[in-house]
Protein backbone atom coordinates (compact mmCIF):
# COMPACT_ATOMS: atom_id res chain seq x y z
CA MET A 1 -27.67 -38.36 -12.21
CA GLU A 2 -26.40 -38.58 -15.78
CA LEU A 3 -24.73 -35.34 -16.85
CA LYS A 4 -25.78 -33.87 -20.17
CA ARG A 5 -23.32 -33.16 -22.99
CA VAL A 6 -22.61 -29.57 -23.97
CA VAL A 7 -21.65 -28.27 -27.40
CA VAL A 8 -20.75 -24.94 -28.99
CA THR A 9 -23.21 -23.77 -31.65
CA GLY A 10 -22.37 -20.07 -32.15
CA LEU A 11 -19.34 -17.77 -32.09
CA GLY A 12 -18.94 -14.00 -32.04
CA ALA A 13 -15.98 -11.67 -31.61
CA VAL A 14 -14.94 -8.02 -31.72
CA THR A 15 -11.14 -7.85 -31.44
CA PRO A 16 -8.07 -5.74 -32.20
CA ILE A 17 -7.49 -7.84 -35.34
CA GLY A 18 -11.06 -8.03 -36.63
CA ASN A 19 -14.62 -7.03 -35.81
CA ASP A 20 -16.00 -10.52 -36.47
CA VAL A 21 -14.87 -14.11 -36.05
CA LYS A 22 -13.94 -14.72 -39.70
CA THR A 23 -11.63 -11.69 -39.95
CA THR A 24 -10.11 -12.30 -36.52
CA TRP A 25 -9.34 -15.94 -37.34
CA LYS A 26 -7.82 -15.05 -40.72
CA ASN A 27 -5.52 -12.47 -39.14
CA VAL A 28 -4.48 -14.62 -36.19
CA ILE A 29 -3.52 -17.47 -38.54
CA GLU A 30 -1.55 -15.00 -40.67
CA GLY A 31 0.28 -13.76 -37.57
CA LYS A 32 -0.89 -10.15 -37.76
CA SER A 33 -0.44 -7.92 -34.73
CA GLY A 34 -3.23 -5.62 -33.57
CA ALA A 35 -0.87 -3.31 -31.68
CA GLY A 36 -0.37 0.36 -32.48
CA PRO A 37 -0.22 3.83 -30.92
CA ILE A 38 -3.02 4.57 -28.45
CA THR A 39 -5.77 6.72 -29.96
CA HIS A 40 -8.33 6.60 -27.15
CA PHE A 41 -6.47 9.30 -25.19
CA ASP A 42 -3.22 11.27 -25.30
CA ALA A 43 -0.62 8.79 -24.04
CA SER A 44 2.44 10.85 -24.95
CA LEU A 45 3.56 11.19 -21.31
CA PHE A 46 2.88 7.56 -20.36
CA LYS A 47 5.56 4.90 -20.08
CA THR A 48 3.49 2.80 -22.49
CA GLN A 49 2.06 4.62 -25.49
CA PHE A 50 0.60 1.73 -27.48
CA ALA A 51 -2.08 -0.93 -27.13
CA CYS A 52 -4.22 -3.36 -29.11
CA GLU A 53 -7.32 -1.28 -29.78
CA VAL A 54 -10.49 -2.36 -31.56
CA LYS A 55 -10.68 -0.40 -34.81
CA ASP A 56 -13.71 1.03 -36.64
CA PHE A 57 -16.30 -0.51 -34.33
CA ASP A 58 -19.73 1.04 -34.84
CA PRO A 59 -22.15 0.30 -31.98
CA THR A 60 -25.03 1.80 -33.97
CA ASN A 61 -24.99 -1.44 -35.96
CA TYR A 62 -26.61 -2.98 -32.86
CA LEU A 63 -28.33 -0.11 -30.99
CA ASP A 64 -29.74 3.27 -31.96
CA LYS A 65 -27.70 6.36 -31.06
CA LYS A 66 -29.83 7.21 -28.04
CA GLU A 67 -29.36 3.72 -26.59
CA VAL A 68 -25.62 3.73 -27.30
CA ARG A 69 -25.14 6.65 -24.90
CA LYS A 70 -26.44 4.52 -22.03
CA PHE A 71 -23.57 2.02 -22.19
CA ASP A 72 -19.86 1.93 -21.51
CA ARG A 73 -17.59 0.81 -24.35
CA TYR A 74 -17.02 -2.60 -22.75
CA ALA A 75 -20.78 -3.31 -22.83
CA LEU A 76 -21.11 -2.13 -26.43
CA LEU A 77 -18.34 -4.51 -27.48
CA ALA A 78 -20.13 -7.31 -25.63
CA ILE A 79 -23.41 -6.54 -27.39
CA GLY A 80 -21.62 -6.65 -30.75
CA ALA A 81 -20.00 -10.03 -30.09
CA ALA A 82 -23.27 -11.47 -28.74
CA ALA A 83 -25.15 -10.32 -31.84
CA GLU A 84 -22.76 -12.20 -34.12
CA ALA A 85 -22.86 -15.33 -31.95
CA MET A 86 -26.65 -15.36 -31.77
CA GLU A 87 -26.96 -14.96 -35.53
CA ASP A 88 -24.33 -17.66 -36.07
CA SER A 89 -26.19 -20.08 -33.78
CA ASN A 90 -29.40 -19.73 -35.81
CA LEU A 91 -31.45 -20.05 -32.63
CA ASP A 92 -35.08 -19.33 -33.47
CA LEU A 93 -36.17 -17.61 -30.28
CA GLU A 94 -39.80 -17.65 -31.35
CA LYS A 95 -39.69 -21.43 -31.01
CA GLU A 96 -37.51 -21.61 -27.91
CA ASP A 97 -38.37 -21.65 -24.22
CA ARG A 98 -36.62 -18.42 -23.29
CA ASN A 99 -36.90 -19.31 -19.61
CA ARG A 100 -34.24 -21.97 -20.31
CA ILE A 101 -31.73 -19.77 -22.13
CA GLY A 102 -29.42 -17.74 -19.91
CA VAL A 103 -26.60 -15.24 -20.13
CA ILE A 104 -23.34 -15.42 -18.19
CA PHE A 105 -20.93 -12.75 -19.40
CA SER A 106 -17.78 -11.49 -17.75
CA ALA A 107 -15.68 -8.37 -17.34
CA GLY A 108 -12.57 -8.19 -15.24
CA ILE A 109 -12.90 -4.43 -14.73
CA GLY A 110 -16.10 -3.24 -16.40
CA GLY A 111 -16.94 0.41 -17.08
CA ILE A 112 -13.65 2.03 -16.19
CA SER A 113 -13.93 4.75 -18.84
CA THR A 114 -17.34 5.74 -17.47
CA PHE A 115 -15.90 5.95 -13.96
CA GLU A 116 -13.08 8.17 -15.20
CA GLU A 117 -15.44 10.49 -17.08
CA GLU A 118 -17.78 10.98 -14.14
CA VAL A 119 -15.06 11.53 -11.56
CA SER A 120 -13.29 13.96 -13.90
CA TYR A 121 -16.52 15.88 -14.46
CA TYR A 122 -17.13 16.05 -10.70
CA ALA A 123 -13.57 17.26 -10.07
CA MET A 124 -14.00 20.10 -12.57
CA ASN A 125 -17.41 21.09 -11.20
CA LYS A 126 -17.21 20.19 -7.51
CA ASP A 127 -17.93 23.75 -6.40
CA LYS A 128 -21.42 23.28 -7.84
CA GLY A 129 -21.99 20.19 -5.73
CA PRO A 130 -22.19 16.52 -6.74
CA ARG A 131 -23.65 16.28 -10.23
CA PHE A 132 -23.56 12.85 -11.85
CA ASN A 133 -25.09 11.30 -14.93
CA PRO A 134 -28.10 9.18 -13.93
CA PHE A 135 -26.64 6.38 -16.05
CA PHE A 136 -23.30 6.49 -14.19
CA ILE A 137 -23.83 3.42 -12.02
CA PRO A 138 -25.51 1.16 -14.61
CA LYS A 139 -22.88 2.13 -17.20
CA MET A 140 -20.04 1.34 -14.82
CA ILE A 141 -21.00 -1.96 -13.18
CA ALA A 142 -19.49 -5.14 -14.60
CA ASP A 143 -22.75 -7.06 -14.93
CA ILE A 144 -24.69 -4.61 -17.08
CA ALA A 145 -23.59 -6.19 -20.39
CA THR A 146 -25.07 -9.46 -19.17
CA GLY A 147 -28.33 -7.81 -18.26
CA GLN A 148 -28.59 -5.89 -21.52
CA ILE A 149 -27.93 -8.98 -23.66
CA SER A 150 -30.78 -10.73 -21.87
CA MET A 151 -33.06 -7.74 -22.53
CA ILE A 152 -32.21 -7.56 -26.22
CA TYR A 153 -33.16 -11.21 -26.76
CA GLY A 154 -35.75 -11.65 -24.01
CA LEU A 155 -33.78 -14.40 -22.26
CA HIS A 156 -35.10 -15.25 -18.80
CA GLY A 157 -32.69 -18.02 -17.78
CA PRO A 158 -29.86 -17.66 -15.22
CA ASN A 159 -28.22 -14.27 -15.64
CA TYR A 160 -25.09 -12.91 -13.97
CA ALA A 161 -21.50 -11.80 -14.48
CA THR A 162 -18.28 -13.50 -13.40
CA VAL A 163 -15.36 -11.40 -12.18
CA SER A 164 -12.02 -13.14 -11.64
CA ALA A 165 -9.62 -10.73 -13.37
CA CYS A 166 -8.11 -12.29 -16.49
CA ALA A 167 -9.76 -15.66 -15.79
CA SER A 168 -13.23 -14.09 -15.87
CA SER A 169 -14.56 -15.26 -19.23
CA THR A 170 -13.26 -18.81 -18.82
CA ASN A 171 -15.11 -18.87 -15.51
CA ALA A 172 -18.23 -17.63 -17.32
CA ILE A 173 -17.91 -20.45 -19.86
CA SER A 174 -17.32 -22.94 -17.05
CA ASP A 175 -20.42 -21.86 -15.17
CA ALA A 176 -22.56 -22.02 -18.32
CA TYR A 177 -21.19 -25.48 -19.09
CA ASN A 178 -21.91 -26.77 -15.62
CA LEU A 179 -25.46 -25.38 -15.48
CA ILE A 180 -26.33 -26.94 -18.83
CA ARG A 181 -24.93 -30.35 -18.00
CA LEU A 182 -26.84 -30.28 -14.71
CA GLY A 183 -30.04 -29.70 -16.68
CA LYS A 184 -30.64 -26.16 -15.40
CA ALA A 185 -30.79 -24.61 -18.88
CA ASN A 186 -30.88 -25.53 -22.57
CA ALA A 187 -28.41 -22.89 -23.74
CA PHE A 188 -26.27 -19.96 -22.65
CA VAL A 189 -24.88 -16.84 -24.21
CA THR A 190 -21.47 -16.63 -22.57
CA GLY A 191 -18.06 -15.03 -22.84
CA GLY A 192 -16.52 -11.73 -21.84
CA ALA A 193 -15.76 -8.13 -22.74
CA GLU A 194 -13.24 -5.51 -21.68
CA ALA A 195 -12.36 -1.93 -22.63
CA ALA A 196 -9.65 -0.74 -20.25
CA ILE A 197 -7.38 1.17 -22.64
CA THR A 198 -7.94 4.32 -20.61
CA VAL A 199 -5.87 6.80 -18.62
CA SER A 200 -6.26 4.87 -15.37
CA GLY A 201 -6.10 1.44 -17.03
CA VAL A 202 -2.77 2.07 -18.76
CA GLY A 203 -1.46 4.27 -15.95
CA GLY A 204 -2.34 1.69 -13.32
CA PHE A 205 -0.72 -1.21 -15.14
CA ASN A 206 2.34 0.98 -15.83
CA ALA A 207 2.64 1.70 -12.12
CA MET A 208 2.80 -2.06 -11.54
CA HIS A 209 5.48 -2.45 -14.25
CA ALA A 210 3.16 -4.94 -15.93
CA LEU A 211 3.05 -3.47 -19.46
CA SER A 212 5.65 -3.59 -22.20
CA THR A 213 7.25 -0.21 -22.82
CA ARG A 214 8.57 -1.05 -26.29
CA ASN A 215 7.16 2.15 -27.76
CA ASP A 216 9.50 2.07 -30.77
CA SER A 217 8.01 -1.22 -32.01
CA PRO A 218 4.44 -1.87 -30.79
CA GLU A 219 3.80 -4.70 -33.26
CA THR A 220 6.68 -6.76 -31.83
CA ALA A 221 6.21 -5.80 -28.18
CA SER A 222 4.21 -8.87 -27.16
CA ARG A 223 6.76 -11.67 -27.42
CA PRO A 224 5.74 -14.56 -25.17
CA PHE A 225 8.46 -17.04 -24.19
CA SER A 226 11.25 -14.84 -25.58
CA ALA A 227 14.08 -13.72 -23.30
CA SER A 228 13.55 -10.05 -24.26
CA ARG A 229 9.88 -9.95 -23.18
CA ASP A 230 9.15 -6.99 -20.93
CA GLY A 231 5.45 -7.15 -20.11
CA PHE A 232 2.05 -7.59 -21.70
CA VAL A 233 0.33 -5.42 -24.30
CA ILE A 234 -3.10 -4.32 -23.12
CA GLY A 235 -5.96 -5.08 -25.49
CA GLU A 236 -9.71 -4.63 -25.63
CA GLY A 237 -12.61 -6.49 -27.21
CA ALA A 238 -15.29 -9.08 -26.64
CA ALA A 239 -15.87 -12.74 -27.39
CA CYS A 240 -19.08 -14.74 -27.19
CA LEU A 241 -19.94 -18.44 -27.38
CA ILE A 242 -23.35 -20.06 -27.54
CA LEU A 243 -23.24 -23.21 -25.42
CA GLU A 244 -26.08 -25.65 -25.85
CA GLU A 245 -27.22 -29.00 -24.54
CA LEU A 246 -26.35 -31.60 -27.19
CA GLU A 247 -29.79 -33.15 -27.72
CA HIS A 248 -31.37 -29.70 -27.88
CA ALA A 249 -28.85 -28.66 -30.55
CA LYS A 250 -29.35 -31.86 -32.55
CA ALA A 251 -33.14 -31.54 -32.41
CA ARG A 252 -33.04 -28.16 -34.11
CA GLY A 253 -30.33 -29.14 -36.61
CA ALA A 254 -27.71 -26.74 -35.25
CA HIS A 255 -24.19 -26.55 -36.61
CA ILE A 256 -21.90 -27.92 -33.89
CA TYR A 257 -18.41 -26.44 -33.73
CA ALA A 258 -17.03 -28.55 -30.88
CA GLU A 259 -17.93 -30.17 -27.59
CA VAL A 260 -17.02 -28.75 -24.19
CA VAL A 261 -15.78 -31.75 -22.22
CA GLY A 262 -14.17 -30.40 -19.07
CA VAL A 263 -13.36 -27.32 -17.01
CA GLY A 264 -11.04 -26.66 -14.13
CA MET A 265 -10.51 -23.96 -11.53
CA SER A 266 -7.86 -23.35 -8.89
CA ALA A 267 -6.13 -20.67 -6.85
CA ASP A 268 -2.43 -19.93 -6.53
CA ALA A 269 -2.95 -18.58 -2.99
CA TYR A 270 0.44 -16.97 -3.41
CA HIS A 271 0.57 -13.29 -4.47
CA LEU A 272 -1.74 -10.43 -5.45
CA THR A 273 -0.42 -10.17 -9.00
CA ALA A 274 2.37 -12.68 -9.65
CA SER A 275 1.81 -16.31 -10.56
CA HIS A 276 3.45 -18.97 -8.42
CA PRO A 277 7.02 -19.37 -9.74
CA GLU A 278 6.64 -23.14 -9.98
CA GLY A 279 3.19 -22.89 -11.52
CA LEU A 280 1.42 -24.72 -8.69
CA GLY A 281 -1.99 -23.24 -9.44
CA ALA A 282 -1.48 -23.69 -13.19
CA LYS A 283 -0.67 -27.37 -12.71
CA LEU A 284 -3.70 -27.90 -10.51
CA VAL A 285 -6.16 -26.15 -12.85
CA MET A 286 -5.07 -28.19 -15.89
CA ARG A 287 -5.22 -31.42 -13.88
CA ASN A 288 -8.67 -30.48 -12.61
CA ALA A 289 -9.88 -29.86 -16.16
CA LEU A 290 -8.45 -33.18 -17.37
CA GLU A 291 -10.08 -35.01 -14.46
CA ASP A 292 -13.40 -33.30 -15.16
CA ALA A 293 -13.14 -34.39 -18.81
CA ASN A 294 -12.08 -37.91 -17.80
CA MET A 295 -9.12 -37.51 -20.12
CA LYS A 296 -5.45 -38.43 -20.00
CA PRO A 297 -2.81 -35.74 -20.65
CA GLU A 298 -1.72 -37.48 -23.85
CA GLU A 299 -5.18 -36.93 -25.35
CA ILE A 300 -4.57 -33.18 -25.61
CA ASP A 301 -3.16 -31.86 -28.90
CA TYR A 302 -3.06 -28.08 -28.40
CA VAL A 303 -2.63 -25.73 -25.45
CA ASN A 304 -3.64 -22.09 -25.93
CA VAL A 305 -1.60 -20.73 -23.06
CA HIS A 306 -2.19 -17.70 -20.88
CA GLY A 307 1.23 -16.59 -22.17
CA THR A 308 1.10 -12.87 -21.48
CA SER A 309 4.77 -12.06 -22.25
CA THR A 310 5.62 -11.28 -18.63
CA PRO A 311 8.98 -12.34 -17.16
CA VAL A 312 7.61 -14.61 -14.41
CA GLY A 313 4.33 -15.81 -15.88
CA ASP A 314 5.70 -17.39 -19.04
CA ILE A 315 8.29 -19.38 -17.11
CA SER A 316 5.82 -20.69 -14.55
CA GLU A 317 3.28 -21.74 -17.19
CA SER A 318 5.88 -23.57 -19.29
CA ARG A 319 7.03 -25.42 -16.16
CA ALA A 320 3.44 -26.33 -15.34
CA ILE A 321 2.90 -27.79 -18.82
CA LEU A 322 6.01 -29.96 -18.49
CA ASP A 323 4.85 -31.21 -15.10
CA VAL A 324 1.27 -31.99 -16.17
CA PHE A 325 1.96 -33.48 -19.60
CA GLY A 326 5.36 -35.09 -19.01
CA GLU A 327 6.93 -36.54 -22.18
CA HIS A 328 3.74 -35.76 -24.10
CA SER A 329 4.60 -32.06 -23.62
CA TYR A 330 6.96 -32.35 -26.59
CA LYS A 331 4.16 -33.61 -28.84
CA LEU A 332 1.86 -30.69 -28.03
CA ASN A 333 1.44 -27.54 -30.02
CA ILE A 334 1.52 -24.55 -27.69
CA SER A 335 0.77 -20.97 -28.66
CA SER A 336 0.05 -17.60 -27.16
CA THR A 337 -2.37 -15.71 -29.38
CA LYS A 338 -1.92 -12.70 -27.09
CA SER A 339 1.19 -12.02 -29.16
CA MET A 340 -1.28 -10.75 -31.80
CA THR A 341 -4.42 -9.69 -29.97
CA GLY A 342 -2.79 -8.28 -26.86
CA HIS A 343 -4.19 -9.19 -23.48
CA LEU A 344 -7.98 -8.70 -23.43
CA LEU A 345 -8.08 -9.12 -19.64
CA GLY A 346 -11.60 -10.29 -18.71
CA ALA A 347 -12.36 -11.16 -22.35
CA ALA A 348 -9.17 -13.15 -22.95
CA GLY A 349 -10.51 -16.60 -22.10
CA GLY A 350 -13.55 -16.23 -24.33
CA LEU A 351 -11.48 -15.25 -27.35
CA GLU A 352 -8.85 -17.90 -26.74
CA SER A 353 -11.57 -20.54 -26.37
CA ILE A 354 -12.79 -19.51 -29.82
CA PHE A 355 -9.26 -19.99 -31.16
CA CYS A 356 -9.14 -23.49 -29.64
CA ILE A 357 -12.48 -24.34 -31.26
CA LEU A 358 -11.42 -23.02 -34.67
CA ALA A 359 -8.11 -24.87 -34.44
CA ILE A 360 -10.16 -28.07 -34.00
CA GLN A 361 -12.48 -27.12 -36.87
CA ASN A 362 -9.75 -26.15 -39.32
CA GLY A 363 -6.81 -28.35 -38.36
CA ILE A 364 -4.39 -25.46 -37.92
CA ILE A 365 -2.62 -23.96 -34.90
CA PRO A 366 -2.27 -20.16 -34.56
CA PRO A 367 1.32 -19.01 -34.06
CA THR A 368 3.16 -17.26 -31.25
CA ILE A 369 4.68 -14.34 -33.12
CA ASN A 370 7.67 -12.08 -32.45
CA HIS A 371 10.22 -14.71 -31.46
CA THR A 372 13.65 -14.26 -33.03
CA GLU A 373 16.38 -16.87 -33.26
CA GLY A 374 18.60 -16.85 -30.20
CA ASP A 375 16.21 -14.79 -28.06
CA ASN A 376 15.97 -17.69 -25.64
CA ASP A 377 15.35 -17.63 -21.90
CA PRO A 378 17.53 -20.18 -20.07
CA GLU A 379 14.57 -20.90 -17.76
CA ILE A 380 12.37 -22.10 -20.66
CA ASP A 381 12.62 -25.46 -22.46
CA TYR A 382 12.66 -24.73 -26.19
CA ASN A 383 12.17 -28.37 -27.06
CA LEU A 384 8.52 -27.49 -26.46
CA ASN A 385 6.72 -26.53 -29.67
CA PHE A 386 5.63 -22.95 -29.07
CA THR A 387 4.47 -22.67 -32.71
CA PHE A 388 6.77 -19.71 -33.17
CA ASN A 389 6.03 -17.18 -35.92
CA LYS A 390 4.09 -19.38 -38.35
CA ALA A 391 0.82 -21.31 -38.06
CA GLN A 392 1.16 -25.09 -38.23
CA LYS A 393 -1.24 -27.56 -39.77
CA ARG A 394 -2.14 -30.65 -37.74
CA GLU A 395 -5.16 -32.62 -36.71
CA VAL A 396 -6.53 -31.18 -33.47
CA ARG A 397 -8.83 -33.53 -31.62
CA THR A 398 -8.74 -31.73 -28.29
CA ALA A 399 -7.50 -28.36 -27.07
CA ILE A 400 -7.20 -26.71 -23.67
CA SER A 401 -7.39 -22.97 -23.00
CA ASN A 402 -5.62 -21.56 -19.93
CA THR A 403 -6.40 -18.24 -18.26
CA PHE A 404 -4.86 -16.92 -15.05
CA GLY A 405 -5.85 -13.74 -13.21
CA PHE A 406 -4.58 -11.28 -10.63
CA GLY A 407 -5.52 -12.61 -7.21
CA GLY A 408 -4.30 -16.07 -8.19
CA HIS A 409 -7.45 -17.11 -10.06
CA ASN A 410 -6.90 -19.92 -12.58
CA SER A 411 -9.39 -21.38 -15.02
CA SER A 412 -9.07 -23.87 -17.89
CA ALA A 413 -11.53 -25.28 -20.41
CA ILE A 414 -11.15 -28.29 -22.70
CA PHE A 415 -12.78 -28.48 -26.13
CA LYS A 416 -13.04 -31.64 -28.24
CA LYS A 417 -13.91 -32.43 -31.83
CA TYR A 418 -17.57 -33.39 -31.89
CA ASN A 419 -18.30 -36.96 -33.01
């Protein structure tokens, strides 16, 4: 069976540094941080009092006020990103077979704010018996954004959510890619969304000592590959890609951003939350993606790393890159865009895939910000080009996006300039 080719024909994003793709890309290239004091709740007694929040997002741009109340924030962000991507793709649904367009959207956690609200309400009113909002369950579950996107556009193709912690949206993209190339669908709306800047989200990650506590300087707190890094900065947002079978896209005259040429998945099988110190799973997932793409390591130009700014994770990923790419490692551009957006958890892979695609389109690599001279970790090889502090222009033919999740889930996707 000859596998079909898959291309990207639409992009959408709602992020801490912009509520659309154009603004987000401009700010990430300029090295702007989205971090600031938490406004979603009173964090004054928390170890971490800052995050990368989405600003000025108005869900009534996409749904009426009555409908908005039916959805958790994560789903509303997803709907916003999907709306931009669908418009960008210029898909004329009146002319399409909607049975062959699906939705695979991810969330690592889902409706955590809804869960908090309902449990809090019950705790305050438990003497009156269990009283819950009838929308509690559908607002909370991690697949409801997927279902709602399909309802908005009347899409009857394969429809489900992927949940693999911070690898979730790369897994969603991978599944969409594989189903299209197997001929199971013509197109997919895919990506991820997350909105976990909540009392339990921040409190839970604080309890694990996973978050930076640099409250005096939120904008510089996410500093991947620097010796002074002390944890990730939690973010929120959504990212959406329209993947499409190549001949289908060409037949309708679609704008093609890039081609998806390979995906990889693996498991660390090591620890609940920590990556393998030698990056065993990270090595395997990149090799699997390269094999799937039938590419050699030296054909990659840019690696958008998982790079969360955690003490162990950054070391293990840099070691994995050196092992997989060998001497070519020193010719790569490497960057962690989480230094600006924060860590979007289940939405991270979708957004970072968009950055890979736009790097290919525009011939420029986003930076890794917040590194200062001399702030070097002896366990990291600084002969690698981490694209510190300033974007770098170069031709980007191919780029790989890495995402790794709690539970040892690893997923990578490779994007290539379309010819």
